[in-house]
């Protein structure tokens, strides 16, 4: 995982359906073959680094959530929401 902004559509791609498709493909490739625990570790590690550096805001986390939300089923959406809430408390 490079950083949160690369997944939140920090540029004009955020509102571009083609940009979202590209982002989904990039994320799928980055996490191919990894389990949920590996993915969560990567998210927490990047979030901790961003929070310590002062470069990860609650708004960035909300954008990250919004980018992933459409790709998840209801159970995973709930899990992601819990993760985002925990990250916001860092």
N, C-alpha and C. Protein backbone atom coordinates (compact mmCIF):
# COMPACT_ATOMS: atom_id res chain seq x y z
N UNK A 1 0.84 -1.17 0.00
CA UNK A 1 0.00 0.00 0.00
C UNK A 1 0.88 1.22 0.00
N UNK A 2 0.76 2.05 -1.00
CA UNK A 2 1.62 3.23 -1.12
C UNK A 2 1.25 4.27 -0.06
N UNK A 3 0.05 4.82 -0.13
CA UNK A 3 -0.46 5.72 0.89
C UNK A 3 -1.96 5.89 0.70
N UNK A 4 -2.62 6.47 1.68
CA UNK A 4 -4.07 6.59 1.62
C UNK A 4 -4.52 7.47 0.46
N UNK A 5 -3.81 8.56 0.22
CA UNK A 5 -4.24 9.47 -0.83
C UNK A 5 -4.24 8.83 -2.20
N UNK A 6 -3.39 7.85 -2.42
CA UNK A 6 -3.39 7.19 -3.73
C UNK A 6 -4.65 6.36 -3.92
N UNK A 7 -5.35 6.05 -2.84
CA UNK A 7 -6.58 5.26 -2.92
C UNK A 7 -7.83 6.11 -2.75
N UNK A 8 -7.70 7.35 -2.36
CA UNK A 8 -8.88 8.16 -2.11
C UNK A 8 -9.24 9.03 -3.29
N UNK A 9 -8.52 8.92 -4.38
CA UNK A 9 -8.83 9.78 -5.53
C UNK A 9 -8.49 11.21 -5.22
N UNK A 10 -7.34 11.45 -4.63
CA UNK A 10 -6.92 12.78 -4.23
C UNK A 10 -6.95 13.77 -5.36
N UNK A 11 -7.08 13.33 -6.60
CA UNK A 11 -7.19 14.23 -7.73
C UNK A 11 -8.60 14.13 -8.32
N UNK A 12 -8.78 14.58 -9.55
CA UNK A 12 -10.11 14.60 -10.16
C UNK A 12 -10.70 13.22 -10.41
N UNK A 13 -9.90 12.16 -10.29
CA UNK A 13 -10.41 10.81 -10.53
C UNK A 13 -11.47 10.40 -9.51
N UNK A 14 -11.55 11.06 -8.38
CA UNK A 14 -12.48 10.66 -7.33
C UNK A 14 -13.92 10.63 -7.85
N UNK A 15 -14.28 11.57 -8.70
CA UNK A 15 -15.64 11.63 -9.20
C UNK A 15 -15.76 11.03 -10.60
N UNK A 16 -14.73 10.42 -11.08
CA UNK A 16 -14.67 9.83 -12.41
C UNK A 16 -14.86 8.33 -12.31
N UNK A 17 -15.93 7.79 -12.87
CA UNK A 17 -16.14 6.33 -12.79
C UNK A 17 -14.96 5.53 -13.32
N UNK A 18 -14.33 5.99 -14.38
CA UNK A 18 -13.17 5.28 -14.91
C UNK A 18 -12.02 5.33 -13.91
N UNK A 19 -11.87 6.43 -13.21
CA UNK A 19 -10.84 6.54 -12.19
C UNK A 19 -11.09 5.56 -11.06
N UNK A 20 -12.34 5.38 -10.69
CA UNK A 20 -12.68 4.43 -9.64
C UNK A 20 -12.37 3.01 -10.09
N UNK A 21 -12.63 2.72 -11.34
CA UNK A 21 -12.32 1.38 -11.85
C UNK A 21 -10.82 1.15 -11.82
N UNK A 22 -10.05 2.15 -12.21
CA UNK A 22 -8.58 2.03 -12.16
C UNK A 22 -8.10 1.83 -10.73
N UNK A 23 -8.70 2.57 -9.80
CA UNK A 23 -8.32 2.46 -8.40
C UNK A 23 -8.63 1.06 -7.88
N UNK A 24 -9.79 0.54 -8.23
CA UNK A 24 -10.17 -0.79 -7.77
C UNK A 24 -9.20 -1.84 -8.30
N UNK A 25 -8.82 -1.71 -9.56
CA UNK A 25 -7.85 -2.64 -10.15
C UNK A 25 -6.50 -2.55 -9.44
N UNK A 26 -6.06 -1.32 -9.15
CA UNK A 26 -4.79 -1.12 -8.48
C UNK A 26 -4.81 -1.74 -7.08
N UNK A 27 -5.91 -1.55 -6.37
CA UNK A 27 -6.02 -2.09 -5.02
C UNK A 27 -6.08 -3.61 -5.06
N UNK A 28 -6.83 -4.15 -6.00
CA UNK A 28 -6.94 -5.61 -6.10
C UNK A 28 -5.58 -6.22 -6.37
N UNK A 29 -4.81 -5.59 -7.24
CA UNK A 29 -3.47 -6.12 -7.55
C UNK A 29 -2.55 -6.00 -6.34
N UNK A 30 -2.63 -4.88 -5.63
CA UNK A 30 -1.76 -4.66 -4.47
C UNK A 30 -2.01 -5.68 -3.37
N UNK A 31 -3.25 -6.12 -3.22
CA UNK A 31 -3.60 -7.03 -2.14
C UNK A 31 -3.88 -8.45 -2.61
N UNK A 32 -3.56 -8.74 -3.85
CA UNK A 32 -3.79 -10.07 -4.40
C UNK A 32 -3.09 -11.14 -3.57
N UNK A 33 -3.85 -12.15 -3.18
CA UNK A 33 -3.29 -13.26 -2.43
C UNK A 33 -3.09 -13.00 -0.95
N UNK A 34 -3.49 -11.82 -0.48
CA UNK A 34 -3.33 -11.49 0.94
C UNK A 34 -4.65 -11.67 1.66
N UNK A 35 -4.55 -12.10 2.91
CA UNK A 35 -5.73 -12.28 3.73
C UNK A 35 -6.15 -10.98 4.40
N UNK A 36 -7.29 -11.05 5.05
CA UNK A 36 -7.82 -9.87 5.74
C UNK A 36 -6.84 -9.32 6.75
N UNK A 37 -6.19 -10.18 7.50
CA UNK A 37 -5.24 -9.72 8.52
C UNK A 37 -4.08 -8.96 7.89
N UNK A 38 -3.58 -9.43 6.76
CA UNK A 38 -2.49 -8.73 6.07
C UNK A 38 -2.94 -7.36 5.58
N UNK A 39 -4.14 -7.31 5.05
CA UNK A 39 -4.67 -6.04 4.54
C UNK A 39 -4.86 -5.06 5.69
N UNK A 40 -5.43 -5.53 6.80
CA UNK A 40 -5.63 -4.65 7.96
C UNK A 40 -4.30 -4.14 8.52
N UNK A 41 -3.31 -5.02 8.58
CA UNK A 41 -1.99 -4.60 9.05
C UNK A 41 -1.42 -3.49 8.16
N UNK A 42 -1.57 -3.65 6.86
CA UNK A 42 -1.07 -2.64 5.92
C UNK A 42 -1.80 -1.31 6.11
N UNK A 43 -3.11 -1.38 6.30
CA UNK A 43 -3.89 -0.16 6.52
C UNK A 43 -3.47 0.52 7.82
N UNK A 44 -3.39 -0.24 8.90
CA UNK A 44 -2.99 0.34 10.19
C UNK A 44 -1.58 0.93 10.13
N UNK A 45 -0.67 0.22 9.49
CA UNK A 45 0.71 0.69 9.39
C UNK A 45 0.77 2.02 8.64
N UNK A 46 0.08 2.10 7.52
CA UNK A 46 0.09 3.33 6.73
C UNK A 46 -0.62 4.45 7.49
N UNK A 47 -1.70 4.14 8.17
CA UNK A 47 -2.43 5.15 8.93
C UNK A 47 -1.57 5.69 10.07
N UNK A 48 -0.89 4.82 10.76
CA UNK A 48 -0.03 5.25 11.86
C UNK A 48 1.08 6.17 11.34
N UNK A 49 1.68 5.78 10.22
CA UNK A 49 2.73 6.60 9.63
C UNK A 49 2.19 7.97 9.23
N UNK A 50 1.02 7.98 8.59
CA UNK A 50 0.42 9.23 8.16
C UNK A 50 0.00 10.12 9.32
N UNK A 51 -0.55 9.53 10.36
CA UNK A 51 -0.96 10.31 11.53
C UNK A 51 0.26 10.93 12.23
N UNK A 52 1.33 10.14 12.40
CA UNK A 52 2.54 10.65 13.04
C UNK A 52 3.16 11.79 12.23
N UNK A 53 3.09 11.67 10.91
CA UNK A 53 3.66 12.69 10.04
C UNK A 53 2.73 13.89 9.88
N UNK A 54 1.48 13.74 10.34
CA UNK A 54 0.51 14.82 10.23
C UNK A 54 -0.06 14.95 8.82
N UNK A 55 0.05 13.90 8.03
CA UNK A 55 -0.41 13.97 6.64
C UNK A 55 -1.71 13.20 6.40
N UNK A 56 -2.24 12.55 7.42
CA UNK A 56 -3.47 11.77 7.28
C UNK A 56 -4.56 12.40 8.13
N UNK A 57 -5.56 12.94 7.47
CA UNK A 57 -6.65 13.60 8.17
C UNK A 57 -7.88 12.70 8.25
N UNK A 58 -8.82 13.08 9.08
CA UNK A 58 -10.09 12.34 9.14
C UNK A 58 -10.78 12.37 7.78
N UNK A 59 -10.65 13.47 7.07
CA UNK A 59 -11.23 13.59 5.74
C UNK A 59 -10.61 12.58 4.78
N UNK A 60 -9.30 12.38 4.87
CA UNK A 60 -8.63 11.37 4.05
C UNK A 60 -9.19 9.98 4.35
N UNK A 61 -9.40 9.70 5.63
CA UNK A 61 -9.96 8.40 6.03
C UNK A 61 -11.37 8.23 5.50
N UNK A 62 -12.16 9.30 5.55
CA UNK A 62 -13.52 9.25 5.01
C UNK A 62 -13.51 8.98 3.51
N UNK A 63 -12.57 9.62 2.81
CA UNK A 63 -12.45 9.39 1.36
C UNK A 63 -12.02 7.96 1.06
N UNK A 64 -11.12 7.43 1.87
CA UNK A 64 -10.67 6.05 1.72
C UNK A 64 -11.85 5.11 1.90
N UNK A 65 -12.65 5.36 2.92
CA UNK A 65 -13.84 4.55 3.18
C UNK A 65 -14.80 4.62 1.99
N UNK A 66 -15.04 5.83 1.50
CA UNK A 66 -15.97 6.01 0.38
C UNK A 66 -15.49 5.31 -0.89
N UNK A 67 -14.17 5.25 -1.08
CA UNK A 67 -13.63 4.59 -2.27
C UNK A 67 -13.78 3.08 -2.18
N UNK A 68 -13.65 2.53 -0.98
CA UNK A 68 -13.73 1.07 -0.82
C UNK A 68 -15.16 0.57 -0.67
N UNK A 69 -16.03 1.38 -0.10
CA UNK A 69 -17.40 0.99 0.24
C UNK A 69 -18.13 0.25 -0.88
N UNK A 70 -18.12 0.75 -2.11
CA UNK A 70 -18.90 0.07 -3.16
C UNK A 70 -18.39 -1.32 -3.52
N UNK A 71 -17.16 -1.62 -3.15
CA UNK A 71 -16.56 -2.91 -3.51
C UNK A 71 -16.79 -3.99 -2.47
N UNK A 72 -17.43 -3.65 -1.35
CA UNK A 72 -17.54 -4.57 -0.22
C UNK A 72 -18.98 -5.01 0.02
N UNK A 73 -19.12 -6.20 0.62
CA UNK A 73 -20.44 -6.64 1.04
C UNK A 73 -20.75 -5.99 2.39
N UNK A 74 -21.94 -6.19 2.90
CA UNK A 74 -22.37 -5.49 4.11
C UNK A 74 -21.50 -5.82 5.33
N UNK A 75 -21.08 -7.07 5.49
CA UNK A 75 -20.24 -7.43 6.64
C UNK A 75 -18.88 -6.74 6.57
N UNK A 76 -18.31 -6.68 5.37
CA UNK A 76 -17.01 -6.04 5.22
C UNK A 76 -17.12 -4.52 5.33
N UNK A 77 -18.26 -3.97 4.91
CA UNK A 77 -18.47 -2.53 5.08
C UNK A 77 -18.49 -2.17 6.56
N UNK A 78 -19.17 -3.00 7.34
CA UNK A 78 -19.24 -2.76 8.78
C UNK A 78 -17.85 -2.85 9.40
N UNK A 79 -17.07 -3.84 8.99
CA UNK A 79 -15.70 -4.01 9.48
C UNK A 79 -14.85 -2.79 9.10
N UNK A 80 -14.97 -2.35 7.84
CA UNK A 80 -14.21 -1.18 7.40
C UNK A 80 -14.60 0.06 8.20
N UNK A 81 -15.88 0.21 8.48
CA UNK A 81 -16.34 1.35 9.27
C UNK A 81 -15.70 1.32 10.66
N UNK A 82 -15.64 0.14 11.26
CA UNK A 82 -15.00 0.01 12.58
C UNK A 82 -13.51 0.36 12.50
N UNK A 83 -12.85 -0.09 11.45
CA UNK A 83 -11.43 0.20 11.27
C UNK A 83 -11.22 1.71 11.12
N UNK A 84 -12.03 2.35 10.30
CA UNK A 84 -11.90 3.80 10.08
C UNK A 84 -12.12 4.56 11.38
N UNK A 85 -13.13 4.16 12.14
CA UNK A 85 -13.37 4.81 13.44
C UNK A 85 -12.19 4.65 14.38
N UNK A 86 -11.59 3.47 14.39
CA UNK A 86 -10.41 3.23 15.22
C UNK A 86 -9.24 4.10 14.76
N UNK A 87 -9.05 4.18 13.46
CA UNK A 87 -7.95 4.98 12.91
C UNK A 87 -8.12 6.47 13.25
N UNK A 88 -9.35 6.93 13.26
CA UNK A 88 -9.60 8.34 13.58
C UNK A 88 -9.22 8.67 15.02
N UNK A 89 -9.14 7.67 15.88
CA UNK A 89 -8.77 7.89 17.28
C UNK A 89 -7.27 7.85 17.50
N UNK A 90 -6.51 7.52 16.46
CA UNK A 90 -5.04 7.46 16.59
C UNK A 90 -4.47 8.83 16.85
